[in-house]
Amino acid sequence: MQIEKITRNNIVVAHITANEVIISDLQSAIDMIMSVKYEAETKNIALSKDLIVDKFFILSSGLAGEILQKFINYQFRIAIYGDYSKYTSKPLKDFIYESNNGHDVFFTDNLETALKKLTEQ
C-alpha cells in the first residue's frame, strides 16, 4: 500500500494505491485508517473501489456498514472511486446516492471527482 498526500484548498487527502485488495474485512480497514492517520496526518482518504473486496458492495453482507461506521467513528472521510456500472442492486444504488448527499462517504467515477468531494469548502 502506498499513500500519496494530495493538498487542495489547504486540505490534505491521502490517495491510497496498491497492487492488490487492501480492504478485505473490518481489521484491514482499521489498519488502513491508522496508517493514514500516522503517515499522512489526515482524515481524508481517496481510493479505488478495486482495492476493496467485492463483498463490500453486497450490502446484505453487512461489511460496508461495518467498515464505513468505523470511518465515521474515527471521524474520517472517504471517497471511493471507480466504475459502479456492473452493480445492479437497487439497495446499493440507493446507498451510493444517499452517501453522496452526505458529508463523509462518497462514491465517484474517478479520482479527480473524489478529490473535489473531499476538498470542497
Protein backbone atom coordinates (compact mmCIF):
# COMPACT_ATOMS: atom_id res chain seq x y z
CA MET A 1 0.00 0.00 0.00
CA GLN A 2 1.30 3.42 -0.96
CA ILE A 3 0.00 6.71 0.41
CA GLU A 4 0.27 9.84 -1.71
CA LYS A 5 -0.57 13.13 0.01
CA ILE A 6 -2.54 15.48 -2.24
CA THR A 7 -3.33 19.00 -1.00
CA ARG A 8 -6.15 21.15 -2.36
CA ASN A 9 -7.77 24.17 -0.70
CA ASN A 10 -5.38 23.59 2.22
CA ILE A 11 -6.95 20.17 2.81
CA VAL A 12 -4.76 17.07 2.66
CA VAL A 13 -6.14 13.89 1.12
CA ALA A 14 -4.38 10.55 1.35
CA HIS A 15 -4.64 8.84 -2.04
CA ILE A 16 -4.17 5.13 -1.46
CA THR A 17 -2.76 2.90 -4.18
CA ALA A 18 -1.81 -0.77 -4.19
CA ASN A 19 -1.44 -3.76 -6.48
CA GLU A 20 -3.97 -5.83 -4.55
CA VAL A 21 -7.10 -5.62 -2.42
CA ILE A 22 -6.22 -3.84 0.82
CA ILE A 23 -9.65 -3.76 2.48
CA SER A 24 -10.98 -7.29 2.88
CA ASP A 25 -12.51 -7.09 6.35
CA LEU A 26 -13.01 -4.73 9.28
CA GLN A 27 -9.48 -5.17 10.67
CA SER A 28 -7.80 -4.38 7.35
CA ALA A 29 -9.91 -1.19 7.11
CA ILE A 30 -8.88 -0.15 10.62
CA ASP A 31 -5.24 -0.87 9.77
CA MET A 32 -5.51 1.40 6.72
CA ILE A 33 -7.15 4.16 8.78
CA MET A 34 -4.33 4.05 11.33
CA SER A 35 -1.65 4.03 8.62
CA VAL A 36 -3.20 7.12 7.01
CA LYS A 37 -3.55 8.88 10.36
CA TYR A 38 0.12 8.44 11.24
CA GLU A 39 1.78 8.53 7.82
CA ALA A 40 -0.28 11.22 6.06
CA GLU A 41 -1.62 13.06 9.12
CA THR A 42 -5.05 13.50 7.55
CA LYS A 43 -8.55 12.15 7.96
CA ASN A 44 -9.44 12.29 4.24
CA ILE A 45 -8.93 9.19 2.11
CA ALA A 46 -9.42 8.56 -1.60
CA LEU A 47 -9.05 5.07 -3.00
CA SER A 48 -10.12 2.97 -5.95
CA LYS A 49 -13.01 0.57 -5.46
CA ASP A 50 -10.69 -2.11 -6.87
CA LEU A 51 -8.79 -2.01 -3.57
CA ILE A 52 -11.89 -3.16 -1.68
CA VAL A 53 -13.16 -6.74 -1.64
CA ASP A 54 -16.28 -7.22 -3.80
CA LYS A 55 -18.25 -8.46 -0.77
CA PHE A 56 -18.26 -4.83 0.44
CA PHE A 57 -20.62 -3.92 -2.41
CA ILE A 58 -23.13 -6.61 -1.43
CA LEU A 59 -24.97 -4.65 1.22
CA SER A 60 -26.65 -7.72 2.71
CA SER A 61 -23.20 -8.93 3.80
CA GLY A 62 -23.07 -6.07 6.30
CA LEU A 63 -19.41 -5.42 5.53
CA ALA A 64 -19.92 -1.94 4.05
CA GLY A 65 -21.95 -0.78 7.02
CA GLU A 66 -19.46 -2.20 9.49
CA ILE A 67 -16.44 -0.65 7.77
CA LEU A 68 -17.99 2.74 7.00
CA GLN A 69 -19.22 3.02 10.60
CA LYS A 70 -15.57 2.81 11.71
CA PHE A 71 -14.68 5.65 9.35
CA ILE A 72 -17.46 7.74 10.91
CA ASN A 73 -16.49 6.75 14.47
CA TYR A 74 -12.87 7.79 13.83
CA GLN A 75 -14.09 10.99 12.11
CA PHE A 76 -12.56 10.05 8.75
CA ARG A 77 -13.97 10.93 5.35
CA ILE A 78 -13.59 8.60 2.39
CA ALA A 79 -14.17 8.83 -1.34
CA ILE A 80 -14.22 5.53 -3.22
CA TYR A 81 -13.84 5.97 -6.96
CA GLY A 82 -14.36 3.64 -9.89
CA ASP A 83 -16.88 2.13 -12.27
CA TYR A 84 -20.05 1.04 -10.49
CA SER A 85 -21.97 0.13 -13.65
CA LYS A 86 -21.65 -3.63 -13.06
CA TYR A 87 -23.70 -3.37 -9.88
CA THR A 88 -27.43 -3.66 -10.47
CA SER A 89 -28.63 -3.80 -6.86
CA LYS A 90 -31.21 -1.11 -6.13
CA PRO A 91 -30.27 -1.00 -2.42
CA LEU A 92 -26.62 -0.39 -3.39
CA LYS A 93 -27.59 2.34 -5.85
CA ASP A 94 -29.76 3.95 -3.16
CA PHE A 95 -26.91 3.66 -0.65
CA ILE A 96 -24.49 5.33 -3.06
CA TYR A 97 -26.99 8.11 -3.76
CA GLU A 98 -27.60 8.76 -0.05
CA SER A 99 -23.88 8.64 0.76
CA ASN A 100 -23.08 11.15 -1.97
CA ASN A 101 -25.59 13.56 -0.45
CA GLY A 102 -23.85 13.38 2.92
CA HIS A 103 -20.55 14.76 4.17
CA ASP A 104 -18.37 11.76 5.00
CA VAL A 105 -18.64 8.96 2.43
CA PHE A 106 -18.61 9.43 -1.34
CA PHE A 107 -18.72 7.11 -4.35
CA THR A 108 -17.41 8.77 -7.51
CA ASP A 109 -16.45 7.81 -11.06
CA ASN A 110 -12.84 8.99 -10.89
CA LEU A 111 -10.06 10.26 -8.65
CA GLU A 112 -10.49 13.89 -9.66
CA THR A 113 -14.14 13.93 -8.56
CA ALA A 114 -13.20 12.08 -5.35
CA LEU A 115 -10.61 14.75 -4.53
CA LYS A 116 -13.11 17.51 -5.26
CA LYS A 117 -15.70 15.98 -2.89
CA LEU A 118 -13.13 15.70 -0.09
CA THR A 119 -11.69 19.21 -0.53
CA GLU A 120 -14.77 21.35 -1.19
CA GLN A 121 -15.23 24.07 1.38
